[in-house]
Amino acid sequence: MQFYELSSLFAIKSGRVTAADLVPLVEASDFIPAISIDDSTADSHDWVASGQATQGQEIAMNLLKNVSPALLPTGFFPAKIDSGWCVLSFNEVESDCSITFFSKNTTHCIESLREFTQYISDKDYSSAVFSMKPIMKRDASEGPIALKELVGQNLGDFEEDGTWFDSDDDWGYTEWSTLFNSWGYQKPFSHTAWCIRMEDFEKQILNWSKTSLNELLDFINAKV
């Protein structure tokens, strides 16, 4: 998938898309389903038995391909020739999408592609940059999930009190499961999500946002 294809779709649909609109773009791309199936997260055993654990591990590893090698354990990944992985989540109630991704040093979420693409259309780049939020911890008052809390964890530890499930064998309390829930992972009744690779994602979002943010900060500093 190309990001410009997605932004063009939102423009054509006046910001209100359907799952049927998105499926052709997704199916023409490399993708992994990124939403739970019914009751698969009831406990660690069910998650593994459902096959969701293997998918979850693959999603996590793909997202980490955008991260700076300096933050990853030695030998964690080979040369990153396929960065640009993100999670595209469709909210059926809002007829809108979010995009969750990692940049080199932090986590990000574009919570509303409808708003984001409108900012770009209006050339309101500062609002577009600041609409990208970090992924918050389960208790949002504790701030965002730091990448250092995600990298280096054993993504294959599916046991109780491991990477994905807490000591009570509950989903949604560890850093990785909290991250997954941020895009509606446990809400198959209202969300559809895919881990996909956008071929122009780094150029269109990661590099663009970094450059624009630096320019914006330079402007702000010049005015202080």
N, C-alpha and C. Protein backbone atom coordinates (compact mmCIF):
# COMPACT_ATOMS: atom_id res chain seq x y z
N MET A 1 0.84 -1.19 0.00
CA MET A 1 0.00 0.00 0.00
C MET A 1 0.88 1.25 0.00
N GLN A 2 0.41 2.27 -0.65
CA GLN A 2 1.06 3.57 -0.63
C GLN A 2 0.22 4.51 0.24
N PHE A 3 0.88 5.33 1.05
CA PHE A 3 0.12 6.24 1.89
C PHE A 3 -0.70 7.21 1.05
N TYR A 4 -0.15 7.61 -0.09
CA TYR A 4 -0.90 8.56 -0.92
C TYR A 4 -2.21 7.94 -1.42
N GLU A 5 -2.24 6.60 -1.60
CA GLU A 5 -3.48 5.93 -1.99
C GLU A 5 -4.52 6.06 -0.89
N LEU A 6 -4.07 5.90 0.34
CA LEU A 6 -4.96 6.00 1.49
C LEU A 6 -5.48 7.43 1.65
N SER A 7 -4.59 8.40 1.55
CA SER A 7 -5.01 9.80 1.70
C SER A 7 -5.93 10.21 0.55
N SER A 8 -5.68 9.69 -0.64
CA SER A 8 -6.56 9.98 -1.78
C SER A 8 -7.94 9.40 -1.57
N LEU A 9 -8.01 8.19 -1.00
CA LEU A 9 -9.30 7.57 -0.69
C LEU A 9 -10.10 8.43 0.27
N PHE A 10 -9.45 8.95 1.30
CA PHE A 10 -10.15 9.81 2.26
C PHE A 10 -10.65 11.08 1.59
N ALA A 11 -9.87 11.61 0.65
CA ALA A 11 -10.30 12.81 -0.06
C ALA A 11 -11.52 12.52 -0.93
N ILE A 12 -11.48 11.40 -1.63
CA ILE A 12 -12.60 11.03 -2.51
C ILE A 12 -13.87 10.77 -1.71
N LYS A 13 -13.71 10.16 -0.54
CA LYS A 13 -14.85 9.79 0.30
C LYS A 13 -15.22 10.89 1.30
N SER A 14 -14.66 12.06 1.13
CA SER A 14 -14.93 13.19 2.03
C SER A 14 -14.68 12.83 3.49
N GLY A 15 -13.65 12.01 3.71
CA GLY A 15 -13.23 11.69 5.06
C GLY A 15 -13.99 10.56 5.73
N ARG A 16 -14.96 9.97 5.05
CA ARG A 16 -15.74 8.89 5.65
C ARG A 16 -15.62 7.64 4.78
N VAL A 17 -14.86 6.69 5.26
CA VAL A 17 -14.60 5.47 4.50
C VAL A 17 -15.32 4.29 5.13
N THR A 18 -15.34 3.19 4.41
CA THR A 18 -15.90 1.94 4.92
C THR A 18 -14.83 0.86 4.85
N ALA A 19 -15.09 -0.25 5.53
CA ALA A 19 -14.15 -1.37 5.47
C ALA A 19 -14.03 -1.87 4.03
N ALA A 20 -15.14 -1.85 3.30
CA ALA A 20 -15.12 -2.30 1.91
C ALA A 20 -14.22 -1.41 1.05
N ASP A 21 -14.13 -0.13 1.39
CA ASP A 21 -13.24 0.78 0.66
C ASP A 21 -11.78 0.41 0.90
N LEU A 22 -11.48 -0.03 2.11
CA LEU A 22 -10.09 -0.27 2.51
C LEU A 22 -9.57 -1.63 2.08
N VAL A 23 -10.44 -2.62 2.04
CA VAL A 23 -10.01 -4.01 1.79
C VAL A 23 -9.20 -4.16 0.50
N PRO A 24 -9.60 -3.57 -0.64
CA PRO A 24 -8.79 -3.74 -1.86
C PRO A 24 -7.36 -3.21 -1.70
N LEU A 25 -7.21 -2.09 -1.00
CA LEU A 25 -5.87 -1.55 -0.77
C LEU A 25 -5.05 -2.48 0.12
N VAL A 26 -5.68 -2.99 1.16
CA VAL A 26 -4.99 -3.87 2.10
C VAL A 26 -4.59 -5.17 1.42
N GLU A 27 -5.52 -5.77 0.70
CA GLU A 27 -5.27 -7.09 0.10
C GLU A 27 -4.24 -7.02 -1.02
N ALA A 28 -3.98 -5.84 -1.54
CA ALA A 28 -2.93 -5.67 -2.56
C ALA A 28 -1.57 -5.44 -1.92
N SER A 29 -1.51 -5.51 -0.58
CA SER A 29 -0.30 -5.20 0.16
C SER A 29 0.15 -6.40 0.99
N ASP A 30 1.36 -6.29 1.54
CA ASP A 30 1.77 -7.23 2.59
C ASP A 30 1.00 -6.86 3.85
N PHE A 31 0.30 -7.83 4.45
CA PHE A 31 -0.46 -7.50 5.65
C PHE A 31 -0.64 -8.71 6.54
N ILE A 32 -0.92 -8.42 7.82
CA ILE A 32 -1.25 -9.42 8.82
C ILE A 32 -2.49 -8.92 9.55
N PRO A 33 -3.54 -9.73 9.73
CA PRO A 33 -4.68 -9.29 10.53
C PRO A 33 -4.21 -8.87 11.92
N ALA A 34 -4.71 -7.73 12.40
CA ALA A 34 -4.23 -7.19 13.68
C ALA A 34 -5.38 -6.92 14.64
N ILE A 35 -6.34 -7.82 14.63
CA ILE A 35 -7.48 -7.72 15.54
C ILE A 35 -7.72 -9.11 16.13
N SER A 36 -8.15 -9.19 17.37
CA SER A 36 -8.35 -10.49 18.01
C SER A 36 -9.59 -11.18 17.48
N ILE A 37 -9.63 -12.49 17.61
CA ILE A 37 -10.86 -13.21 17.35
C ILE A 37 -11.56 -13.42 18.69
N ASP A 38 -12.82 -13.76 18.65
CA ASP A 38 -13.64 -13.83 19.87
C ASP A 38 -12.97 -14.65 20.97
N ASP A 39 -12.85 -14.05 22.14
CA ASP A 39 -12.36 -14.71 23.36
C ASP A 39 -10.92 -15.23 23.28
N SER A 40 -10.18 -14.85 22.23
CA SER A 40 -8.82 -15.38 22.10
C SER A 40 -7.88 -14.86 23.18
N THR A 41 -8.21 -13.71 23.77
CA THR A 41 -7.35 -13.14 24.81
C THR A 41 -7.87 -13.43 26.22
N ALA A 42 -8.72 -14.45 26.35
CA ALA A 42 -9.24 -14.79 27.67
C ALA A 42 -8.11 -15.15 28.64
N ASP A 43 -7.11 -15.86 28.15
CA ASP A 43 -5.91 -16.15 28.93
C ASP A 43 -4.81 -16.53 27.95
N SER A 44 -3.61 -16.72 28.48
CA SER A 44 -2.46 -16.97 27.61
C SER A 44 -2.62 -18.26 26.82
N HIS A 45 -3.22 -19.28 27.43
CA HIS A 45 -3.41 -20.55 26.73
C HIS A 45 -4.32 -20.37 25.53
N ASP A 46 -5.42 -19.65 25.71
CA ASP A 46 -6.36 -19.43 24.60
C ASP A 46 -5.72 -18.64 23.48
N TRP A 47 -4.88 -17.66 23.84
CA TRP A 47 -4.23 -16.82 22.83
C TRP A 47 -3.30 -17.68 21.96
N VAL A 48 -2.56 -18.56 22.59
CA VAL A 48 -1.66 -19.44 21.86
C VAL A 48 -2.45 -20.44 21.02
N ALA A 49 -3.47 -21.06 21.63
CA ALA A 49 -4.26 -22.09 20.95
C ALA A 49 -5.00 -21.53 19.74
N SER A 50 -5.38 -20.26 19.78
CA SER A 50 -6.12 -19.64 18.68
C SER A 50 -5.23 -19.30 17.49
N GLY A 51 -3.92 -19.34 17.68
CA GLY A 51 -2.99 -18.94 16.63
C GLY A 51 -2.69 -17.45 16.63
N GLN A 52 -3.35 -16.71 17.53
CA GLN A 52 -3.17 -15.27 17.59
C GLN A 52 -1.79 -14.88 18.13
N ALA A 53 -1.22 -15.73 18.98
CA ALA A 53 0.08 -15.39 19.57
C ALA A 53 1.16 -15.25 18.51
N THR A 54 1.18 -16.16 17.56
CA THR A 54 2.18 -16.10 16.49
C THR A 54 2.00 -14.84 15.66
N GLN A 55 0.74 -14.49 15.36
CA GLN A 55 0.47 -13.26 14.62
C GLN A 55 0.89 -12.04 15.42
N GLY A 56 0.60 -12.04 16.72
CA GLY A 56 0.97 -10.91 17.56
C GLY A 56 2.47 -10.70 17.59
N GLN A 57 3.21 -11.78 17.69
CA GLN A 57 4.67 -11.69 17.69
C GLN A 57 5.17 -11.11 16.38
N GLU A 58 4.60 -11.54 15.27
CA GLU A 58 5.02 -11.04 13.96
C GLU A 58 4.70 -9.56 13.80
N ILE A 59 3.53 -9.15 14.28
CA ILE A 59 3.15 -7.73 14.22
C ILE A 59 4.16 -6.89 15.00
N ALA A 60 4.49 -7.34 16.21
CA ALA A 60 5.44 -6.60 17.04
C ALA A 60 6.80 -6.48 16.36
N MET A 61 7.28 -7.57 15.78
CA MET A 61 8.58 -7.55 15.12
C MET A 61 8.57 -6.64 13.90
N ASN A 62 7.46 -6.60 13.18
CA ASN A 62 7.38 -5.70 12.04
C ASN A 62 7.41 -4.24 12.48
N LEU A 63 6.65 -3.90 13.53
CA LEU A 63 6.65 -2.52 14.01
C LEU A 63 8.04 -2.09 14.45
N LEU A 64 8.79 -3.00 15.04
CA LEU A 64 10.13 -2.67 15.53
C LEU A 64 11.14 -2.45 14.41
N LYS A 65 10.79 -2.78 13.20
CA LYS A 65 11.71 -2.57 12.09
C LYS A 65 11.94 -1.09 11.78
N ASN A 66 11.07 -0.22 12.30
CA ASN A 66 11.25 1.22 12.10
C ASN A 66 12.18 1.83 13.14
N VAL A 67 12.48 1.09 14.20
CA VAL A 67 13.20 1.63 15.35
C VAL A 67 14.69 1.74 15.05
N SER A 68 15.31 2.74 15.62
CA SER A 68 16.76 2.92 15.46
C SER A 68 17.50 1.67 15.95
N PRO A 69 18.43 1.15 15.15
CA PRO A 69 19.21 -0.02 15.58
C PRO A 69 19.93 0.20 16.90
N ALA A 70 20.24 1.45 17.23
CA ALA A 70 20.94 1.75 18.49
C ALA A 70 20.10 1.39 19.70
N LEU A 71 18.77 1.32 19.54
CA LEU A 71 17.89 0.99 20.66
C LEU A 71 17.62 -0.50 20.78
N LEU A 72 17.99 -1.26 19.75
CA LEU A 72 17.68 -2.68 19.73
C LEU A 72 18.87 -3.51 20.21
N PRO A 73 18.60 -4.65 20.82
CA PRO A 73 19.69 -5.55 21.22
C PRO A 73 20.54 -5.94 20.02
N THR A 74 21.81 -6.16 20.22
CA THR A 74 22.71 -6.53 19.15
C THR A 74 22.20 -7.77 18.43
N GLY A 75 22.13 -7.66 17.09
CA GLY A 75 21.69 -8.80 16.30
C GLY A 75 20.20 -9.06 16.34
N PHE A 76 19.42 -8.11 16.90
CA PHE A 76 17.99 -8.33 17.04
C PHE A 76 17.31 -8.45 15.69
N PHE A 77 17.74 -7.61 14.72
CA PHE A 77 17.19 -7.67 13.38
C PHE A 77 18.30 -7.59 12.35
N PRO A 78 18.09 -8.17 11.17
CA PRO A 78 19.01 -7.94 10.06
C PRO A 78 18.81 -6.53 9.52
N ALA A 79 19.55 -6.18 8.49
CA ALA A 79 19.40 -4.86 7.87
C ALA A 79 17.93 -4.63 7.54
N LYS A 80 17.43 -3.45 7.90
CA LYS A 80 16.00 -3.18 7.76
C LYS A 80 15.71 -2.69 6.34
N ILE A 81 15.42 -3.61 5.45
CA ILE A 81 15.15 -3.25 4.06
C ILE A 81 13.65 -3.11 3.81
N ASP A 82 12.84 -3.37 4.82
CA ASP A 82 11.40 -3.29 4.62
C ASP A 82 10.73 -2.53 5.75
N SER A 83 11.29 -1.38 6.13
CA SER A 83 10.65 -0.55 7.13
C SER A 83 9.38 0.06 6.52
N GLY A 84 8.64 0.78 7.33
CA GLY A 84 7.37 1.33 6.86
C GLY A 84 6.17 0.55 7.37
N TRP A 85 6.41 -0.42 8.27
CA TRP A 85 5.31 -1.19 8.83
C TRP A 85 4.53 -0.37 9.86
N CYS A 86 3.24 -0.52 9.85
CA CYS A 86 2.37 0.20 10.78
C CYS A 86 1.10 -0.62 10.94
N VAL A 87 0.24 -0.19 11.84
CA VAL A 87 -1.08 -0.83 12.00
C VAL A 87 -2.15 0.17 11.57
N LEU A 88 -2.90 -0.21 10.58
CA LEU A 88 -4.04 0.57 10.11
C LEU A 88 -5.29 -0.02 10.74
N SER A 89 -6.01 0.78 11.51
CA SER A 89 -7.20 0.31 12.21
C SER A 89 -8.42 1.10 11.76
N PHE A 90 -9.47 0.40 11.38
CA PHE A 90 -10.72 1.03 10.96
C PHE A 90 -11.74 0.95 12.07
N ASN A 91 -12.27 2.11 12.46
CA ASN A 91 -13.31 2.20 13.48
C ASN A 91 -14.65 2.33 12.77
N GLU A 92 -15.43 1.26 12.83
CA GLU A 92 -16.70 1.22 12.11
C GLU A 92 -17.68 2.28 12.60
N VAL A 93 -17.67 2.56 13.88
CA VAL A 93 -18.60 3.53 14.45
C VAL A 93 -18.31 4.93 13.91
N GLU A 94 -17.02 5.27 13.83
CA GLU A 94 -16.63 6.62 13.40
C GLU A 94 -16.41 6.72 11.89
N SER A 95 -16.40 5.59 11.19
CA SER A 95 -16.06 5.57 9.76
C SER A 95 -14.73 6.27 9.51
N ASP A 96 -13.78 6.00 10.39
CA ASP A 96 -12.48 6.67 10.36
C ASP A 96 -11.39 5.64 10.66
N CYS A 97 -10.17 6.00 10.40
CA CYS A 97 -9.04 5.11 10.63
C CYS A 97 -8.00 5.77 11.52
N SER A 98 -7.23 4.94 12.19
CA SER A 98 -6.04 5.38 12.90
C SER A 98 -4.84 4.63 12.34
N ILE A 99 -3.66 5.19 12.52
CA ILE A 99 -2.42 4.52 12.15
C ILE A 99 -1.49 4.54 13.36
N THR A 100 -1.03 3.37 13.75
CA THR A 100 -0.08 3.23 14.86
C THR A 100 1.26 2.80 14.28
N PHE A 101 2.33 3.48 14.68
CA PHE A 101 3.64 3.15 14.15
C PHE A 101 4.73 3.58 15.11
N PHE A 102 5.91 3.03 14.89
CA PHE A 102 7.10 3.45 15.63
C PHE A 102 7.97 4.27 14.68
N SER A 103 8.55 5.35 15.20
CA SER A 103 9.62 6.02 14.47
C SER A 103 10.92 5.51 15.06
N LYS A 104 12.01 6.17 14.77
CA LYS A 104 13.31 5.67 15.22
C LYS A 104 13.43 5.65 16.73
N ASN A 105 12.71 6.58 17.42
CA ASN A 105 12.93 6.72 18.86
C ASN A 105 11.67 6.68 19.72
N THR A 106 10.49 6.60 19.12
CA THR A 106 9.29 6.66 19.94
C THR A 106 8.10 6.01 19.24
N THR A 107 6.99 5.90 19.96
CA THR A 107 5.74 5.37 19.40
C THR A 107 4.86 6.53 18.96
N HIS A 108 4.02 6.26 17.97
CA HIS A 108 3.12 7.30 17.46
C HIS A 108 1.76 6.71 17.12
N CYS A 109 0.76 7.56 17.18
CA CYS A 109 -0.55 7.20 16.66
C CYS A 109 -1.17 8.42 15.99
N ILE A 110 -1.57 8.26 14.74
CA ILE A 110 -2.44 9.24 14.09
C ILE A 110 -3.85 8.78 14.40
N GLU A 111 -4.50 9.44 15.34
CA GLU A 111 -5.77 8.94 15.86
C GLU A 111 -6.91 9.07 14.87
N SER A 112 -6.86 10.09 14.02
CA SER A 112 -7.93 10.29 13.03
C SER A 112 -7.31 10.63 11.69
N LEU A 113 -7.38 9.68 10.76
CA LEU A 113 -6.88 9.96 9.42
C LEU A 113 -7.75 11.00 8.73
N ARG A 114 -9.01 11.06 9.10
CA ARG A 114 -9.89 12.08 8.52
C ARG A 114 -9.34 13.48 8.82
N GLU A 115 -9.01 13.72 10.09
CA GLU A 115 -8.46 15.01 10.47
C GLU A 115 -7.07 15.22 9.89
N PHE A 116 -6.25 14.18 9.95
CA PHE A 116 -4.87 14.30 9.49
C PHE A 116 -4.81 14.66 8.01
N THR A 117 -5.57 13.94 7.18
CA THR A 117 -5.54 14.21 5.75
C THR A 117 -6.14 15.58 5.42
N GLN A 118 -7.08 16.04 6.25
CA GLN A 118 -7.63 17.37 6.04
C GLN A 118 -6.58 18.44 6.35
N TYR A 119 -5.81 18.22 7.42
CA TYR A 119 -4.71 19.14 7.73
C TYR A 119 -3.75 19.23 6.56
N ILE A 120 -3.39 18.09 5.99
CA ILE A 120 -2.46 18.08 4.87
C ILE A 120 -3.07 18.81 3.68
N SER A 121 -4.34 18.55 3.41
CA SER A 121 -5.02 19.22 2.30
C SER A 121 -5.03 20.73 2.48
N ASP A 122 -5.20 21.15 3.75
CA ASP A 122 -5.22 22.59 4.05
C ASP A 122 -3.83 23.18 4.20
N LYS A 123 -2.79 22.34 4.06
CA LYS A 123 -1.39 22.73 4.26
C LYS A 123 -1.14 23.26 5.67
N ASP A 124 -1.92 22.73 6.60
CA ASP A 124 -1.75 23.07 8.02
C ASP A 124 -0.83 22.02 8.63
N TYR A 125 0.45 22.09 8.27
CA TYR A 125 1.38 21.03 8.63
C TYR A 125 1.68 20.98 10.12
N SER A 126 1.65 22.10 10.78
CA SER A 126 1.91 22.08 12.22
C SER A 126 0.83 21.30 12.96
N SER A 127 -0.43 21.49 12.58
CA SER A 127 -1.52 20.73 13.21
C SER A 127 -1.39 19.25 12.89
N ALA A 128 -0.95 18.93 11.66
CA ALA A 128 -0.77 17.53 11.28
C ALA A 128 0.30 16.88 12.14
N VAL A 129 1.42 17.58 12.34
CA VAL A 129 2.50 17.04 13.16
C VAL A 129 2.03 16.80 14.59
N PHE A 130 1.36 17.79 15.17
CA PHE A 130 0.97 17.68 16.57
C PHE A 130 -0.25 16.79 16.77
N SER A 131 -0.89 16.36 15.68
CA SER A 131 -1.99 15.39 15.83
C SER A 131 -1.46 13.98 16.01
N MET A 132 -0.16 13.77 15.81
CA MET A 132 0.46 12.47 16.04
C MET A 132 0.82 12.34 17.51
N LYS A 133 0.15 11.44 18.21
CA LYS A 133 0.31 11.32 19.65
C LYS A 133 1.12 10.07 20.00
N PRO A 134 1.85 10.10 21.12
CA PRO A 134 2.50 8.87 21.59
C PRO A 134 1.46 7.90 22.14
N ILE A 135 1.79 6.62 22.18
CA ILE A 135 0.89 5.62 22.74
C ILE A 135 0.99 5.69 24.26
N MET A 136 -0.14 5.86 24.92
CA MET A 136 -0.15 6.04 26.36
C MET A 136 -0.22 4.70 27.09
N LYS A 137 0.26 4.71 28.33
CA LYS A 137 0.16 3.53 29.18
C LYS A 137 -1.29 3.27 29.56
N ARG A 138 -1.55 2.12 30.13
CA ARG A 138 -2.92 1.78 30.52
C ARG A 138 -3.50 2.86 31.41
N ASP A 139 -2.74 3.31 32.40
CA ASP A 139 -3.10 4.47 33.21
C ASP A 139 -2.45 5.67 32.55
N ALA A 140 -3.23 6.40 31.76
CA ALA A 140 -2.68 7.49 30.95
C ALA A 140 -1.96 8.54 31.78
N SER A 141 -2.29 8.63 33.07
CA SER A 141 -1.63 9.62 33.92
C SER A 141 -0.15 9.30 34.10
N GLU A 142 0.24 8.05 33.77
CA GLU A 142 1.64 7.64 33.88
C GLU A 142 2.44 8.00 32.63
N GLY A 143 1.77 8.58 31.63
CA GLY A 143 2.47 9.03 30.44
C GLY A 143 2.54 7.98 29.35
N PRO A 144 3.34 8.24 28.31
CA PRO A 144 3.41 7.33 27.17
C PRO A 144 4.26 6.09 27.45
N ILE A 145 4.02 5.06 26.65
CA ILE A 145 4.85 3.86 26.70
C ILE A 145 6.18 4.19 26.02
N ALA A 146 7.27 4.03 26.74
CA ALA A 146 8.59 4.31 26.17
C ALA A 146 9.06 3.11 25.35
N LEU A 147 9.77 3.40 24.26
CA LEU A 147 10.27 2.31 23.43
C LEU A 147 11.16 1.36 24.22
N LYS A 148 11.90 1.90 25.18
CA LYS A 148 12.79 1.05 25.97
C LYS A 148 12.01 0.01 26.77
N GLU A 149 10.71 0.25 26.98
CA GLU A 149 9.87 -0.73 27.68
C GLU A 149 9.37 -1.82 26.73
N LEU A 150 9.55 -1.60 25.44
CA LEU A 150 9.07 -2.55 24.44
C LEU A 150 10.20 -3.36 23.80
N VAL A 151 11.30 -2.68 23.49
CA VAL A 151 12.40 -3.37 22.81
C VAL A 151 13.11 -4.30 23.79
N GLY A 152 13.62 -5.36 23.26
CA GLY A 152 14.39 -6.28 24.08
C GLY A 152 13.57 -7.28 24.86
N GLN A 153 12.23 -7.09 24.88
CA GLN A 153 11.40 -8.08 25.56
C GLN A 153 11.31 -9.35 24.72
N ASN A 154 11.10 -10.46 25.38
CA ASN A 154 10.97 -11.74 24.69
C ASN A 154 9.58 -11.84 24.08
N LEU A 155 9.49 -11.56 22.79
CA LEU A 155 8.18 -11.54 22.13
C LEU A 155 7.57 -12.93 22.02
N GLY A 156 8.36 -13.96 22.26
CA GLY A 156 7.85 -15.33 22.23
C GLY A 156 7.45 -15.85 23.59
N ASP A 157 7.48 -14.98 24.60
CA ASP A 157 7.06 -15.39 25.95
C ASP A 157 5.57 -15.18 26.08
N PHE A 158 4.82 -16.24 25.82
CA PHE A 158 3.36 -16.17 25.83
C PHE A 158 2.76 -16.66 27.15
N GLU A 159 3.61 -16.91 28.12
CA GLU A 159 3.14 -17.48 29.37
C GLU A 159 2.52 -16.42 30.28
N GLU A 160 1.80 -16.89 31.29
CA GLU A 160 1.30 -16.01 32.35
C GLU A 160 2.48 -15.28 32.99
N ASP A 161 2.30 -14.00 33.28
CA ASP A 161 3.35 -13.16 33.86
C ASP A 161 4.55 -13.05 32.91
N GLY A 162 4.24 -12.98 31.62
CA GLY A 162 5.28 -12.84 30.61
C GLY A 162 5.15 -11.52 29.88
N THR A 163 5.53 -11.52 28.61
CA THR A 163 5.52 -10.29 27.81
C THR A 163 4.12 -9.80 27.52
N TRP A 164 3.17 -10.71 27.35
CA TRP A 164 1.84 -10.34 26.87
C TRP A 164 0.75 -10.38 27.94
N PHE A 165 0.87 -11.29 28.91
CA PHE A 165 -0.16 -11.44 29.95
C PHE A 165 0.43 -11.18 31.32
N ASP A 166 -0.36 -10.55 32.20
CA ASP A 166 0.16 -10.21 33.53
C ASP A 166 0.13 -11.42 34.46
N SER A 167 0.46 -11.17 35.72
CA SER A 167 0.57 -12.28 36.68
C SER A 167 -0.77 -12.94 36.98
N ASP A 168 -1.87 -12.25 36.67
CA ASP A 168 -3.21 -12.84 36.83
C ASP A 168 -3.71 -13.49 35.54
N ASP A 169 -2.81 -13.57 34.55
CA ASP A 169 -3.14 -14.15 33.25
C ASP A 169 -4.19 -13.32 32.51
N ASP A 170 -4.12 -12.00 32.71
CA ASP A 170 -5.04 -11.08 32.03
C ASP A 170 -4.32 -10.33 30.92
N TRP A 171 -5.02 -10.13 29.82
CA TRP A 171 -4.51 -9.35 28.70
C TRP A 171 -4.78 -7.86 28.95
N GLY A 172 -3.91 -7.00 28.43
CA GLY A 172 -4.16 -5.56 28.45
C GLY A 172 -3.45 -4.83 29.56
N TYR A 173 -2.60 -5.51 30.33
CA TYR A 173 -1.91 -4.88 31.45
C TYR A 173 -0.41 -4.74 31.23
N THR A 174 0.14 -5.47 30.28
CA THR A 174 1.57 -5.33 29.97
C THR A 174 1.74 -4.25 28.90
N GLU A 175 2.99 -3.82 28.68
CA GLU A 175 3.24 -2.76 27.71
C GLU A 175 2.79 -3.17 26.30
N TRP A 176 3.15 -4.39 25.89
CA TRP A 176 2.80 -4.80 24.54
C TRP A 176 1.29 -4.99 24.36
N SER A 177 0.62 -5.59 25.33
CA SER A 177 -0.83 -5.78 25.17
C SER A 177 -1.58 -4.45 25.27
N THR A 178 -1.06 -3.51 26.06
CA THR A 178 -1.64 -2.17 26.11
C THR A 178 -1.50 -1.48 24.76
N LEU A 179 -0.33 -1.63 24.15
CA LEU A 179 -0.10 -1.07 22.82
C LEU A 179 -1.09 -1.64 21.82
N PHE A 180 -1.27 -2.97 21.82
CA PHE A 180 -2.21 -3.59 20.89
C PHE A 180 -3.63 -3.06 21.11
N ASN A 181 -4.02 -2.91 22.36
CA ASN A 181 -5.37 -2.42 22.63
C ASN A 181 -5.59 -0.99 22.17
N SER A 182 -4.49 -0.24 21.99
CA SER A 182 -4.61 1.17 21.57
C SER A 182 -5.25 1.30 20.19
N TRP A 183 -5.17 0.25 19.38
CA TRP A 183 -5.82 0.30 18.06
C TRP A 183 -7.09 -0.55 18.02
N GLY A 184 -7.58 -0.98 19.19
CA GLY A 184 -8.84 -1.72 19.24
C GLY A 184 -8.68 -3.21 19.04
N TYR A 185 -7.54 -3.76 19.45
CA TYR A 185 -7.26 -5.18 19.23
C TYR A 185 -8.34 -6.08 19.82
N GLN A 186 -8.86 -5.74 20.98
CA GLN A 186 -9.87 -6.57 21.64
C GLN A 186 -11.30 -6.19 21.26
N LYS A 187 -11.49 -5.44 20.19
CA LYS A 187 -12.82 -4.98 19.82
C LYS A 187 -13.18 -5.39 18.39
N PRO A 188 -13.23 -6.71 18.12
CA PRO A 188 -13.55 -7.15 16.75
C PRO A 188 -14.96 -6.78 16.31
N PHE A 189 -15.82 -6.43 17.27
CA PHE A 189 -17.20 -6.06 16.95
C PHE A 189 -17.28 -4.64 16.39
N SER A 190 -16.26 -3.81 16.62
CA SER A 190 -16.33 -2.42 16.13
C SER A 190 -15.08 -1.99 15.36
N HIS A 191 -14.02 -2.81 15.38
CA HIS A 191 -12.78 -2.45 14.72
C HIS A 191 -12.30 -3.56 13.79
N THR A 192 -11.65 -3.14 12.74
CA THR A 192 -10.90 -4.05 11.87
C THR A 192 -9.51 -3.45 11.73
N ALA A 193 -8.48 -4.27 11.88
CA ALA A 193 -7.13 -3.72 11.84
C ALA A 193 -6.20 -4.66 11.09
N TRP A 194 -5.20 -4.04 10.46
CA TRP A 194 -4.20 -4.80 9.71
C TRP A 194 -2.82 -4.21 10.00
N CYS A 195 -1.86 -5.08 10.16
CA CYS A 195 -0.46 -4.65 10.17
C CYS A 195 0.01 -4.70 8.73
N ILE A 196 0.33 -3.56 8.18
CA ILE A 196 0.66 -3.48 6.76
C ILE A 196 1.96 -2.73 6.55
N ARG A 197 2.52 -2.92 5.39
CA ARG A 197 3.71 -2.16 5.01
C ARG A 197 3.30 -1.14 3.96
N MET A 198 3.51 0.15 4.28
CA MET A 198 3.28 1.21 3.32
C MET A 198 4.62 1.56 2.70
N GLU A 199 4.73 1.33 1.40
CA GLU A 199 6.01 1.47 0.72
C GLU A 199 6.56 2.88 0.78
N ASP A 200 5.68 3.87 0.83
CA ASP A 200 6.15 5.27 0.88
C ASP A 200 5.97 5.87 2.27
N PHE A 201 5.74 5.00 3.27
CA PHE A 201 5.40 5.49 4.61
C PHE A 201 6.52 6.31 5.23
N GLU A 202 7.75 5.78 5.14
CA GLU A 202 8.87 6.49 5.76
C GLU A 202 9.06 7.86 5.11
N LYS A 203 8.94 7.91 3.79
CA LYS A 203 9.11 9.18 3.09
C LYS A 203 7.97 10.14 3.40
N GLN A 204 6.75 9.61 3.39
CA GLN A 204 5.58 10.47 3.53
C GLN A 204 5.28 10.87 4.97
N ILE A 205 5.59 9.99 5.93
CA ILE A 205 5.24 10.26 7.32
C ILE A 205 6.46 10.43 8.21
N LEU A 206 7.30 9.40 8.27
CA LEU A 206 8.40 9.44 9.24
C LEU A 206 9.37 10.58 8.93
N ASN A 207 9.94 10.61 7.74
CA ASN A 207 10.89 11.66 7.41
C ASN A 207 10.20 13.01 7.32
N TRP A 208 9.00 13.01 6.74
CA TRP A 208 8.28 14.27 6.60
C TRP A 208 7.98 14.88 7.96
N SER A 209 7.50 14.05 8.88
CA SER A 209 7.12 14.58 10.19
C SER A 209 8.35 15.07 10.95
N LYS A 210 9.45 14.36 10.84
CA LYS A 210 10.67 14.77 11.52
C LYS A 210 11.15 16.10 10.99
N THR A 211 11.18 16.24 9.66
CA THR A 211 11.63 17.48 9.06
C THR A 211 10.71 18.63 9.41
N SER A 212 9.41 18.40 9.28
CA SER A 212 8.44 19.45 9.55
C SER A 212 8.47 19.87 11.01
N LEU A 213 8.61 18.90 11.90
CA LEU A 213 8.65 19.21 13.32
C LEU A 213 9.89 20.04 13.65
N ASN A 214 11.03 19.67 13.06
CA ASN A 214 12.25 20.44 13.29
C ASN A 214 12.09 21.87 12.79
N GLU A 215 11.49 22.02 11.62
CA GLU A 215 11.27 23.36 11.08
C GLU A 215 10.31 24.14 11.97
N LEU A 216 9.27 23.46 12.47
CA LEU A 216 8.30 24.12 13.33
C LEU A 216 8.96 24.56 14.63
N LEU A 217 9.78 23.70 15.23
CA LEU A 217 10.46 24.05 16.47
C LEU A 217 11.43 25.20 16.25
N ASP A 218 12.12 25.20 15.11
CA ASP A 218 13.03 26.30 14.80
C ASP A 218 12.25 27.62 14.72
N PHE A 219 11.05 27.54 14.12
CA PHE A 219 10.22 28.74 14.00
C PHE A 219 9.78 29.22 15.38
N ILE A 220 9.33 28.26 16.21
CA ILE A 220 8.88 28.62 17.56
C ILE A 220 10.03 29.23 18.36
N ASN A 221 11.19 28.62 18.30
CA ASN A 221 12.35 29.13 19.03
C ASN A 221 12.75 30.52 18.56
N ALA A 222 12.58 30.75 17.26
CA ALA A 222 12.94 32.06 16.72
C ALA A 222 12.01 33.15 17.22
N LYS A 223 10.79 32.74 17.61
CA LYS A 223 9.81 33.72 18.05
C LYS A 223 9.81 33.91 19.57
N VAL A 224 10.55 33.05 20.28
CA VAL A 224 10.57 33.15 21.74
C VAL A 224 11.55 34.23 22.19
